[in-house]
N, C-alpha and C. Protein backbone atom coordinates (compact mmCIF):
# COMPACT_ATOMS: atom_id res chain seq x y z
N UNK A 1 -90.57 11.60 -47.05
CA UNK A 1 -90.02 11.86 -48.37
C UNK A 1 -89.20 10.64 -48.79
N UNK A 2 -89.49 10.12 -49.97
CA UNK A 2 -88.76 8.95 -50.44
C UNK A 2 -87.35 9.34 -50.84
N UNK A 3 -86.50 8.34 -50.99
CA UNK A 3 -85.12 8.57 -51.38
C UNK A 3 -85.05 9.29 -52.73
N UNK A 4 -85.91 8.89 -53.68
CA UNK A 4 -85.91 9.51 -55.01
C UNK A 4 -86.35 10.96 -54.93
N UNK A 5 -87.42 11.22 -54.17
CA UNK A 5 -87.89 12.60 -54.03
C UNK A 5 -86.86 13.46 -53.32
N UNK A 6 -86.17 12.91 -52.34
CA UNK A 6 -85.15 13.65 -51.62
C UNK A 6 -84.01 14.04 -52.55
N UNK A 7 -83.58 13.10 -53.41
CA UNK A 7 -82.49 13.39 -54.35
C UNK A 7 -82.91 14.49 -55.33
N UNK A 8 -84.12 14.40 -55.85
CA UNK A 8 -84.60 15.43 -56.78
C UNK A 8 -84.74 16.77 -56.06
N UNK A 9 -85.24 16.74 -54.82
CA UNK A 9 -85.38 17.95 -54.03
C UNK A 9 -84.02 18.58 -53.78
N UNK A 10 -83.02 17.76 -53.45
CA UNK A 10 -81.67 18.26 -53.21
C UNK A 10 -81.11 18.90 -54.48
N UNK A 11 -81.29 18.24 -55.62
CA UNK A 11 -80.81 18.79 -56.89
C UNK A 11 -81.50 20.12 -57.18
N UNK A 12 -82.81 20.19 -56.93
CA UNK A 12 -83.55 21.42 -57.17
C UNK A 12 -83.05 22.55 -56.27
N UNK A 13 -82.77 22.25 -54.99
CA UNK A 13 -82.23 23.27 -54.09
C UNK A 13 -80.89 23.77 -54.58
N UNK A 14 -80.04 22.85 -55.03
CA UNK A 14 -78.74 23.23 -55.56
C UNK A 14 -78.92 24.23 -56.70
N UNK A 15 -79.84 23.94 -57.60
CA UNK A 15 -80.08 24.81 -58.74
C UNK A 15 -80.67 26.15 -58.31
N UNK A 16 -81.56 26.13 -57.33
CA UNK A 16 -82.19 27.36 -56.87
C UNK A 16 -81.19 28.30 -56.19
N UNK A 17 -80.28 27.75 -55.42
CA UNK A 17 -79.40 28.58 -54.62
C UNK A 17 -77.99 28.72 -55.19
N UNK A 18 -77.75 28.21 -56.37
CA UNK A 18 -76.47 28.40 -57.04
C UNK A 18 -76.55 29.67 -57.87
N UNK A 19 -75.81 30.71 -57.48
CA UNK A 19 -75.95 32.00 -58.16
C UNK A 19 -75.65 31.91 -59.65
N UNK A 20 -76.51 32.55 -60.41
CA UNK A 20 -76.28 32.71 -61.83
C UNK A 20 -76.53 31.48 -62.69
N UNK A 21 -76.94 30.38 -62.12
CA UNK A 21 -77.13 29.18 -62.93
C UNK A 21 -78.33 29.31 -63.84
N UNK A 22 -79.50 29.49 -63.27
CA UNK A 22 -80.71 29.60 -64.09
C UNK A 22 -81.74 30.44 -63.35
N UNK A 23 -82.70 30.92 -64.09
CA UNK A 23 -83.83 31.62 -63.50
C UNK A 23 -85.03 30.69 -63.60
N UNK A 24 -85.68 30.42 -62.48
CA UNK A 24 -86.77 29.46 -62.45
C UNK A 24 -88.11 30.18 -62.36
N UNK A 25 -89.04 29.81 -63.23
CA UNK A 25 -90.41 30.29 -63.16
C UNK A 25 -91.31 29.07 -63.04
N UNK A 26 -92.57 29.30 -62.75
CA UNK A 26 -93.51 28.18 -62.62
C UNK A 26 -93.55 27.37 -63.91
N UNK A 27 -93.55 28.03 -65.06
CA UNK A 27 -93.60 27.31 -66.34
C UNK A 27 -92.33 26.51 -66.58
N UNK A 28 -91.18 27.02 -66.12
CA UNK A 28 -89.94 26.28 -66.35
C UNK A 28 -89.88 25.03 -65.46
N UNK A 29 -90.73 24.94 -64.46
CA UNK A 29 -90.75 23.75 -63.61
C UNK A 29 -91.59 22.63 -64.21
N UNK A 30 -92.34 22.90 -65.27
CA UNK A 30 -93.10 21.86 -65.95
C UNK A 30 -92.12 20.99 -66.74
N UNK A 31 -91.98 19.73 -66.37
CA UNK A 31 -90.96 18.90 -67.03
C UNK A 31 -91.43 18.30 -68.35
N UNK A 32 -90.46 17.97 -69.17
CA UNK A 32 -90.69 17.07 -70.29
C UNK A 32 -90.46 15.69 -69.70
N UNK A 33 -91.49 14.86 -69.69
CA UNK A 33 -91.41 13.54 -69.08
C UNK A 33 -91.38 12.48 -70.17
N UNK A 34 -90.38 11.63 -70.10
CA UNK A 34 -90.27 10.48 -71.00
C UNK A 34 -90.18 9.26 -70.11
N UNK A 35 -91.08 8.30 -70.30
CA UNK A 35 -91.03 7.13 -69.43
C UNK A 35 -91.58 5.90 -70.13
N UNK A 36 -91.20 4.78 -69.58
CA UNK A 36 -91.67 3.51 -70.09
C UNK A 36 -90.91 2.38 -69.44
N UNK A 37 -91.23 1.17 -69.86
CA UNK A 37 -90.63 -0.03 -69.26
C UNK A 37 -89.64 -0.62 -70.26
N UNK A 38 -88.47 -0.97 -69.73
CA UNK A 38 -87.39 -1.58 -70.51
C UNK A 38 -87.30 -3.04 -70.10
N UNK A 39 -87.12 -3.91 -71.06
CA UNK A 39 -87.03 -5.35 -70.82
C UNK A 39 -85.61 -5.73 -70.36
N UNK A 40 -85.25 -5.27 -69.17
CA UNK A 40 -83.93 -5.55 -68.59
C UNK A 40 -83.99 -5.20 -67.11
N UNK A 41 -83.17 -5.86 -66.29
CA UNK A 41 -83.14 -5.53 -64.87
C UNK A 41 -82.52 -4.14 -64.63
N UNK A 42 -82.82 -3.58 -63.48
CA UNK A 42 -82.38 -2.23 -63.14
C UNK A 42 -80.87 -2.08 -63.28
N UNK A 43 -80.08 -3.04 -62.80
CA UNK A 43 -78.63 -2.87 -62.87
C UNK A 43 -78.13 -2.78 -64.31
N UNK A 44 -78.74 -3.50 -65.23
CA UNK A 44 -78.34 -3.44 -66.64
C UNK A 44 -78.72 -2.10 -67.25
N UNK A 45 -79.90 -1.58 -66.91
CA UNK A 45 -80.34 -0.29 -67.45
C UNK A 45 -79.48 0.83 -66.87
N UNK A 46 -79.15 0.75 -65.59
CA UNK A 46 -78.24 1.73 -64.99
C UNK A 46 -76.91 1.73 -65.74
N UNK A 47 -76.39 0.55 -66.00
CA UNK A 47 -75.12 0.43 -66.72
C UNK A 47 -75.25 1.01 -68.14
N UNK A 48 -76.41 0.85 -68.76
CA UNK A 48 -76.63 1.39 -70.10
C UNK A 48 -76.54 2.91 -70.12
N UNK A 49 -76.78 3.55 -68.98
CA UNK A 49 -76.67 5.00 -68.88
C UNK A 49 -75.29 5.46 -68.41
N UNK A 50 -74.57 4.62 -67.69
CA UNK A 50 -73.35 5.09 -67.03
C UNK A 50 -72.06 4.46 -67.53
N UNK A 51 -72.13 3.37 -68.26
CA UNK A 51 -70.91 2.73 -68.78
C UNK A 51 -70.71 3.14 -70.24
N UNK A 52 -69.58 3.78 -70.53
CA UNK A 52 -69.32 4.29 -71.87
C UNK A 52 -69.47 3.22 -72.94
N UNK A 53 -68.95 2.05 -72.70
CA UNK A 53 -69.00 0.99 -73.72
C UNK A 53 -70.43 0.56 -74.02
N UNK A 54 -71.34 0.74 -73.09
CA UNK A 54 -72.73 0.34 -73.31
C UNK A 54 -73.54 1.48 -73.92
N UNK A 55 -73.43 2.68 -73.39
CA UNK A 55 -74.21 3.80 -73.94
C UNK A 55 -73.83 4.07 -75.39
N UNK A 56 -72.59 3.75 -75.76
CA UNK A 56 -72.16 3.93 -77.14
C UNK A 56 -72.80 2.90 -78.08
N UNK A 57 -73.48 1.91 -77.53
CA UNK A 57 -74.17 0.92 -78.35
C UNK A 57 -75.62 1.31 -78.64
N UNK A 58 -76.19 2.25 -77.86
CA UNK A 58 -77.60 2.56 -78.08
C UNK A 58 -77.93 4.05 -78.21
N UNK A 59 -77.06 4.93 -77.71
CA UNK A 59 -77.45 6.34 -77.73
C UNK A 59 -76.48 7.23 -78.51
N UNK A 60 -75.25 7.30 -78.11
CA UNK A 60 -74.29 8.22 -78.72
C UNK A 60 -73.09 7.45 -79.25
N UNK A 61 -72.36 8.10 -80.14
CA UNK A 61 -71.19 7.45 -80.74
C UNK A 61 -69.98 7.46 -79.80
N UNK A 62 -69.95 8.44 -78.90
CA UNK A 62 -68.79 8.59 -78.01
C UNK A 62 -69.26 9.17 -76.69
N UNK A 63 -68.65 8.70 -75.59
CA UNK A 63 -69.06 9.17 -74.27
C UNK A 63 -67.94 8.97 -73.27
N UNK A 64 -67.84 9.92 -72.34
CA UNK A 64 -67.00 9.79 -71.14
C UNK A 64 -67.81 10.34 -69.98
N UNK A 65 -67.74 9.66 -68.86
CA UNK A 65 -68.46 10.15 -67.67
C UNK A 65 -67.57 10.02 -66.45
N UNK A 66 -67.51 11.09 -65.68
CA UNK A 66 -66.85 11.09 -64.39
C UNK A 66 -67.98 11.06 -63.37
N UNK A 67 -68.41 9.85 -63.02
CA UNK A 67 -69.62 9.68 -62.21
C UNK A 67 -69.35 10.05 -60.75
N UNK A 68 -69.45 11.35 -60.50
CA UNK A 68 -69.37 11.90 -59.15
C UNK A 68 -70.11 13.22 -59.17
N UNK A 69 -70.57 13.68 -58.03
CA UNK A 69 -71.25 14.96 -57.97
C UNK A 69 -70.26 16.03 -58.44
N UNK A 70 -70.67 16.81 -59.43
CA UNK A 70 -69.80 17.81 -60.03
C UNK A 70 -68.98 17.26 -61.19
N UNK A 71 -69.06 15.95 -61.42
CA UNK A 71 -68.31 15.33 -62.51
C UNK A 71 -68.86 15.74 -63.87
N UNK A 72 -68.03 15.58 -64.88
CA UNK A 72 -68.40 15.95 -66.24
C UNK A 72 -68.82 14.71 -67.02
N UNK A 73 -69.93 14.81 -67.73
CA UNK A 73 -70.44 13.75 -68.60
C UNK A 73 -70.42 14.35 -70.00
N UNK A 74 -69.51 13.85 -70.84
CA UNK A 74 -69.34 14.38 -72.19
C UNK A 74 -69.78 13.34 -73.21
N UNK A 75 -70.56 13.77 -74.21
CA UNK A 75 -71.04 12.87 -75.25
C UNK A 75 -70.95 13.54 -76.61
N UNK A 76 -71.02 12.71 -77.64
CA UNK A 76 -71.12 13.22 -79.00
C UNK A 76 -71.80 12.16 -79.86
N UNK A 77 -72.58 12.62 -80.82
CA UNK A 77 -73.20 11.71 -81.78
C UNK A 77 -72.24 11.40 -82.93
N UNK A 78 -71.03 11.95 -82.88
CA UNK A 78 -70.02 11.72 -83.91
C UNK A 78 -68.84 10.94 -83.34
N UNK A 79 -68.45 9.84 -84.01
CA UNK A 79 -67.27 9.07 -83.59
C UNK A 79 -66.00 9.89 -83.73
N UNK A 80 -66.02 10.89 -84.62
CA UNK A 80 -64.83 11.70 -84.87
C UNK A 80 -64.62 12.80 -83.84
N UNK A 81 -65.56 13.00 -82.95
CA UNK A 81 -65.46 14.04 -81.94
C UNK A 81 -64.36 13.70 -80.93
N UNK A 82 -63.71 14.74 -80.42
CA UNK A 82 -62.75 14.52 -79.33
C UNK A 82 -63.39 14.83 -77.98
N UNK A 83 -64.68 15.05 -77.96
CA UNK A 83 -65.51 15.34 -76.79
C UNK A 83 -65.25 16.72 -76.19
N UNK A 84 -64.40 17.51 -76.84
CA UNK A 84 -64.22 18.91 -76.44
C UNK A 84 -64.48 19.84 -77.61
N UNK A 85 -64.84 19.30 -78.76
CA UNK A 85 -65.01 20.10 -79.96
C UNK A 85 -66.45 20.62 -80.07
N UNK A 86 -66.75 21.21 -81.22
CA UNK A 86 -68.06 21.81 -81.47
C UNK A 86 -69.19 20.79 -81.56
N UNK A 87 -68.87 19.51 -81.70
CA UNK A 87 -69.89 18.47 -81.82
C UNK A 87 -70.30 17.90 -80.46
N UNK A 88 -69.55 18.22 -79.42
CA UNK A 88 -69.75 17.61 -78.10
C UNK A 88 -70.88 18.25 -77.32
N UNK A 89 -71.47 17.44 -76.46
CA UNK A 89 -72.48 17.88 -75.49
C UNK A 89 -71.88 17.61 -74.12
N UNK A 90 -71.96 18.59 -73.22
CA UNK A 90 -71.43 18.42 -71.88
C UNK A 90 -72.54 18.58 -70.85
N UNK A 91 -72.48 17.74 -69.84
CA UNK A 91 -73.40 17.81 -68.70
C UNK A 91 -72.56 17.78 -67.43
N UNK A 92 -73.08 18.40 -66.39
CA UNK A 92 -72.50 18.29 -65.05
C UNK A 92 -73.39 17.37 -64.24
N UNK A 93 -72.80 16.41 -63.56
CA UNK A 93 -73.56 15.51 -62.69
C UNK A 93 -73.96 16.30 -61.44
N UNK A 94 -75.26 16.41 -61.20
CA UNK A 94 -75.78 17.12 -60.02
C UNK A 94 -75.92 16.20 -58.82
N UNK A 95 -76.38 14.97 -59.08
CA UNK A 95 -76.61 14.00 -58.00
C UNK A 95 -76.81 12.64 -58.64
N UNK A 96 -76.57 11.59 -57.86
CA UNK A 96 -76.89 10.25 -58.32
C UNK A 96 -77.02 9.34 -57.11
N UNK A 97 -77.81 8.31 -57.30
CA UNK A 97 -78.00 7.25 -56.33
C UNK A 97 -77.88 5.98 -57.16
N UNK A 98 -76.73 5.30 -57.13
CA UNK A 98 -76.46 4.20 -58.06
C UNK A 98 -77.63 3.22 -58.20
N UNK A 99 -78.02 3.00 -59.45
CA UNK A 99 -79.09 2.08 -59.74
C UNK A 99 -80.48 2.64 -59.50
N UNK A 100 -80.57 3.88 -59.07
CA UNK A 100 -81.88 4.46 -58.74
C UNK A 100 -82.15 5.80 -59.43
N UNK A 101 -81.14 6.69 -59.47
CA UNK A 101 -81.39 8.04 -59.96
C UNK A 101 -80.09 8.66 -60.45
N UNK A 102 -80.21 9.43 -61.53
CA UNK A 102 -79.09 10.18 -62.09
C UNK A 102 -79.62 11.56 -62.47
N UNK A 103 -79.01 12.62 -61.94
CA UNK A 103 -79.43 13.99 -62.25
C UNK A 103 -78.25 14.74 -62.84
N UNK A 104 -78.52 15.45 -63.94
CA UNK A 104 -77.45 16.19 -64.60
C UNK A 104 -78.01 17.46 -65.23
N UNK A 105 -77.12 18.43 -65.43
CA UNK A 105 -77.48 19.71 -66.04
C UNK A 105 -76.66 19.87 -67.31
N UNK A 106 -77.31 20.23 -68.39
CA UNK A 106 -76.61 20.46 -69.66
C UNK A 106 -75.89 21.80 -69.58
N UNK A 107 -74.58 21.77 -69.85
CA UNK A 107 -73.79 23.01 -69.78
C UNK A 107 -73.20 23.40 -71.14
N UNK A 108 -73.23 22.48 -72.10
CA UNK A 108 -72.73 22.78 -73.45
C UNK A 108 -73.50 21.95 -74.46
N UNK A 109 -74.05 22.64 -75.45
CA UNK A 109 -74.75 21.99 -76.55
C UNK A 109 -73.83 21.97 -77.76
N UNK A 110 -74.07 21.07 -78.74
CA UNK A 110 -73.24 21.08 -79.95
C UNK A 110 -73.48 22.35 -80.77
N UNK A 111 -72.52 22.68 -81.61
CA UNK A 111 -72.58 23.90 -82.41
C UNK A 111 -73.87 23.99 -83.24
N UNK A 112 -74.35 22.88 -83.77
CA UNK A 112 -75.54 22.90 -84.62
C UNK A 112 -76.85 22.81 -83.84
N UNK A 113 -76.81 22.90 -82.52
CA UNK A 113 -78.03 22.86 -81.71
C UNK A 113 -78.92 24.05 -82.08
N UNK A 114 -80.21 23.80 -82.35
CA UNK A 114 -81.07 24.88 -82.86
C UNK A 114 -81.43 25.96 -81.84
N UNK A 115 -81.11 25.76 -80.56
CA UNK A 115 -81.46 26.74 -79.53
C UNK A 115 -80.23 27.08 -78.70
N UNK A 116 -79.17 27.61 -79.30
CA UNK A 116 -77.90 27.78 -78.58
C UNK A 116 -77.95 28.78 -77.43
N UNK A 117 -78.85 29.74 -77.48
CA UNK A 117 -78.88 30.75 -76.42
C UNK A 117 -79.67 30.28 -75.19
N UNK A 118 -80.30 29.13 -75.29
CA UNK A 118 -81.07 28.62 -74.15
C UNK A 118 -80.22 27.59 -73.43
N UNK A 119 -79.91 27.87 -72.20
CA UNK A 119 -79.17 26.91 -71.37
C UNK A 119 -79.87 26.80 -70.03
N UNK A 120 -79.40 25.92 -69.21
CA UNK A 120 -79.95 25.81 -67.87
C UNK A 120 -80.92 24.68 -67.67
N UNK A 121 -81.09 23.80 -68.66
CA UNK A 121 -81.96 22.67 -68.43
C UNK A 121 -81.24 21.63 -67.59
N UNK A 122 -82.02 20.85 -66.88
CA UNK A 122 -81.47 19.73 -66.13
C UNK A 122 -82.43 18.57 -66.23
N UNK A 123 -81.89 17.38 -66.03
CA UNK A 123 -82.67 16.16 -66.18
C UNK A 123 -82.44 15.26 -64.98
N UNK A 124 -83.52 14.64 -64.52
CA UNK A 124 -83.43 13.63 -63.47
C UNK A 124 -84.01 12.35 -64.06
N UNK A 125 -83.21 11.28 -64.05
CA UNK A 125 -83.62 9.98 -64.58
C UNK A 125 -83.77 9.02 -63.40
N UNK A 126 -84.94 8.40 -63.30
CA UNK A 126 -85.24 7.45 -62.23
C UNK A 126 -85.27 6.04 -62.81
N UNK A 127 -84.75 5.08 -62.07
CA UNK A 127 -84.73 3.67 -62.45
C UNK A 127 -85.45 2.88 -61.37
N UNK A 128 -86.58 2.26 -61.70
CA UNK A 128 -87.35 1.49 -60.72
C UNK A 128 -87.70 0.13 -61.29
N UNK A 129 -87.66 -0.88 -60.46
CA UNK A 129 -88.06 -2.21 -60.88
C UNK A 129 -89.52 -2.19 -61.30
N UNK A 130 -89.81 -2.86 -62.41
CA UNK A 130 -91.18 -2.97 -62.91
C UNK A 130 -91.57 -4.44 -62.97
N UNK A 131 -90.98 -5.24 -62.10
CA UNK A 131 -91.22 -6.67 -62.10
C UNK A 131 -89.94 -7.40 -62.45
N UNK A 132 -89.96 -8.72 -62.40
CA UNK A 132 -88.75 -9.50 -62.68
C UNK A 132 -88.17 -9.18 -64.07
N UNK A 133 -86.91 -8.73 -64.06
CA UNK A 133 -86.21 -8.46 -65.30
C UNK A 133 -86.69 -7.26 -66.09
N UNK A 134 -87.43 -6.36 -65.44
CA UNK A 134 -87.95 -5.18 -66.14
C UNK A 134 -87.66 -3.93 -65.30
N UNK A 135 -87.46 -2.81 -66.01
CA UNK A 135 -87.16 -1.54 -65.34
C UNK A 135 -88.03 -0.44 -65.90
N UNK A 136 -88.66 0.31 -65.01
CA UNK A 136 -89.38 1.53 -65.42
C UNK A 136 -88.35 2.65 -65.35
N UNK A 137 -88.15 3.31 -66.49
CA UNK A 137 -87.26 4.47 -66.58
C UNK A 137 -88.13 5.70 -66.75
N UNK A 138 -87.90 6.70 -65.91
CA UNK A 138 -88.62 7.96 -66.00
C UNK A 138 -87.60 9.08 -66.05
N UNK A 139 -87.58 9.81 -67.14
CA UNK A 139 -86.69 10.97 -67.28
C UNK A 139 -87.54 12.23 -67.21
N UNK A 140 -87.16 13.15 -66.35
CA UNK A 140 -87.86 14.41 -66.18
C UNK A 140 -86.88 15.53 -66.48
N UNK A 141 -87.09 16.23 -67.58
CA UNK A 141 -86.21 17.32 -68.01
C UNK A 141 -86.89 18.64 -67.68
N UNK A 142 -86.17 19.51 -66.98
CA UNK A 142 -86.74 20.78 -66.51
C UNK A 142 -85.85 21.96 -66.90
N UNK A 143 -86.35 23.16 -66.63
CA UNK A 143 -85.55 24.37 -66.81
C UNK A 143 -85.76 25.09 -68.13
N UNK A 144 -86.89 24.85 -68.77
CA UNK A 144 -87.17 25.52 -70.04
C UNK A 144 -87.66 26.94 -69.80
N UNK A 145 -87.26 27.86 -70.66
CA UNK A 145 -87.76 29.23 -70.57
C UNK A 145 -89.24 29.25 -70.92
N UNK A 146 -89.97 30.18 -70.32
CA UNK A 146 -91.40 30.31 -70.58
C UNK A 146 -91.63 31.37 -71.65
N UNK A 147 -91.23 31.02 -72.88
CA UNK A 147 -91.44 31.90 -74.02
C UNK A 147 -91.57 31.02 -75.27
N UNK A 148 -91.76 31.64 -76.43
CA UNK A 148 -91.94 30.85 -77.67
C UNK A 148 -90.76 29.93 -77.93
N UNK A 149 -89.56 30.46 -77.79
CA UNK A 149 -88.38 29.64 -78.05
C UNK A 149 -88.26 28.50 -77.03
N UNK A 150 -88.58 28.76 -75.79
CA UNK A 150 -88.58 27.72 -74.77
C UNK A 150 -89.58 26.62 -75.09
N UNK A 151 -90.74 27.00 -75.59
CA UNK A 151 -91.76 26.01 -75.97
C UNK A 151 -91.29 25.18 -77.18
N UNK A 152 -90.61 25.83 -78.13
CA UNK A 152 -90.07 25.08 -79.27
C UNK A 152 -88.97 24.12 -78.81
N UNK A 153 -88.15 24.58 -77.89
CA UNK A 153 -87.10 23.71 -77.36
C UNK A 153 -87.71 22.53 -76.61
N UNK A 154 -88.76 22.78 -75.86
CA UNK A 154 -89.47 21.72 -75.15
C UNK A 154 -89.98 20.67 -76.15
N UNK A 155 -90.59 21.11 -77.24
CA UNK A 155 -91.10 20.19 -78.26
C UNK A 155 -89.94 19.41 -78.89
N UNK A 156 -88.83 20.07 -79.14
CA UNK A 156 -87.63 19.43 -79.69
C UNK A 156 -87.20 18.28 -78.78
N UNK A 157 -87.15 18.52 -77.47
CA UNK A 157 -86.72 17.48 -76.54
C UNK A 157 -87.78 16.43 -76.30
N UNK A 158 -89.06 16.78 -76.42
CA UNK A 158 -90.09 15.74 -76.32
C UNK A 158 -89.88 14.69 -77.40
N UNK A 159 -89.60 15.14 -78.62
CA UNK A 159 -89.34 14.21 -79.74
C UNK A 159 -88.00 13.50 -79.55
N UNK A 160 -86.95 14.27 -79.27
CA UNK A 160 -85.60 13.70 -79.16
C UNK A 160 -85.47 12.73 -78.00
N UNK A 161 -86.00 13.07 -76.84
CA UNK A 161 -85.92 12.19 -75.68
C UNK A 161 -86.70 10.90 -75.93
N UNK A 162 -87.86 11.01 -76.59
CA UNK A 162 -88.64 9.81 -76.90
C UNK A 162 -87.88 8.93 -77.87
N UNK A 163 -87.23 9.53 -78.84
CA UNK A 163 -86.44 8.76 -79.81
C UNK A 163 -85.30 8.01 -79.11
N UNK A 164 -84.63 8.67 -78.17
CA UNK A 164 -83.55 8.00 -77.44
C UNK A 164 -84.10 6.90 -76.55
N UNK A 165 -85.25 7.14 -75.92
CA UNK A 165 -85.85 6.09 -75.10
C UNK A 165 -86.23 4.89 -75.96
N UNK A 166 -86.78 5.15 -77.14
CA UNK A 166 -87.11 4.06 -78.06
C UNK A 166 -85.87 3.25 -78.43
N UNK A 167 -84.73 3.93 -78.60
CA UNK A 167 -83.47 3.24 -78.89
C UNK A 167 -83.04 2.35 -77.72
N UNK A 168 -83.25 2.84 -76.49
CA UNK A 168 -82.93 2.05 -75.30
C UNK A 168 -83.79 0.79 -75.25
N UNK A 169 -85.08 0.94 -75.48
CA UNK A 169 -85.99 -0.20 -75.47
C UNK A 169 -85.56 -1.21 -76.54
N UNK A 170 -85.28 -0.72 -77.74
CA UNK A 170 -84.87 -1.60 -78.84
C UNK A 170 -83.56 -2.32 -78.51
N UNK A 171 -82.63 -1.63 -77.86
CA UNK A 171 -81.36 -2.22 -77.47
C UNK A 171 -81.56 -3.47 -76.61
N UNK A 172 -82.56 -3.42 -75.73
CA UNK A 172 -82.82 -4.55 -74.82
C UNK A 172 -83.92 -5.49 -75.33
N UNK A 173 -84.50 -5.24 -76.48
CA UNK A 173 -85.62 -6.06 -76.97
C UNK A 173 -85.32 -7.56 -76.98
N UNK A 174 -84.17 -7.93 -77.40
CA UNK A 174 -83.82 -9.36 -77.49
C UNK A 174 -83.26 -9.89 -76.17
N UNK A 175 -83.31 -9.09 -75.14
CA UNK A 175 -82.76 -9.50 -73.85
C UNK A 175 -81.50 -8.71 -73.53
N UNK A 176 -80.95 -8.94 -72.36
CA UNK A 176 -79.76 -8.24 -71.92
C UNK A 176 -78.56 -8.75 -72.73
N UNK A 177 -77.82 -7.86 -73.39
CA UNK A 177 -76.66 -8.29 -74.16
C UNK A 177 -75.65 -9.06 -73.30
N UNK A 178 -75.03 -10.06 -73.88
CA UNK A 178 -74.06 -10.91 -73.16
C UNK A 178 -72.97 -10.08 -72.50
N UNK A 179 -72.56 -9.00 -73.12
CA UNK A 179 -71.48 -8.17 -72.58
C UNK A 179 -71.87 -7.49 -71.27
N UNK A 180 -73.16 -7.52 -70.93
CA UNK A 180 -73.63 -6.86 -69.71
C UNK A 180 -73.96 -7.85 -68.61
N UNK A 181 -73.86 -9.13 -68.87
CA UNK A 181 -74.26 -10.13 -67.86
C UNK A 181 -73.09 -10.54 -67.02
């Protein structure tokens, strides 16, 4: 078992045996997969996901992360958010392997989220070298309910996750920003 598979397996076991977290069915194990190659080295792409000053340049307007297992990762698409208000999104860090993998579970959606009664999704993001100065990023989002609303939520995240990935690619299009070197 590779290090990446072991980390994902460990996160899955945590979710399976943590009482009351989520109910898993075969359909909920089908991930929404977003992947592609970013024109930046792995360490820069890792930093783009974990350093507040960098992620605020390409994904969200505001972010705080306590990068530890069980730590809270809070984000908002609004600069005016205090990261605890109705606009904030909260995730719990399930596992991470610096520069290789980050796993988190969404525990709070913003007030205007179209599927507020659906919770329990989790995401595992893998970072792999794709050659000199390039990184293959693969995000696998799991935990969708196997019903009409779960399928609509899956489609919502297929579009949204791809849009965020496109923003990441665009952020690095001209090369690694000077602030990250």
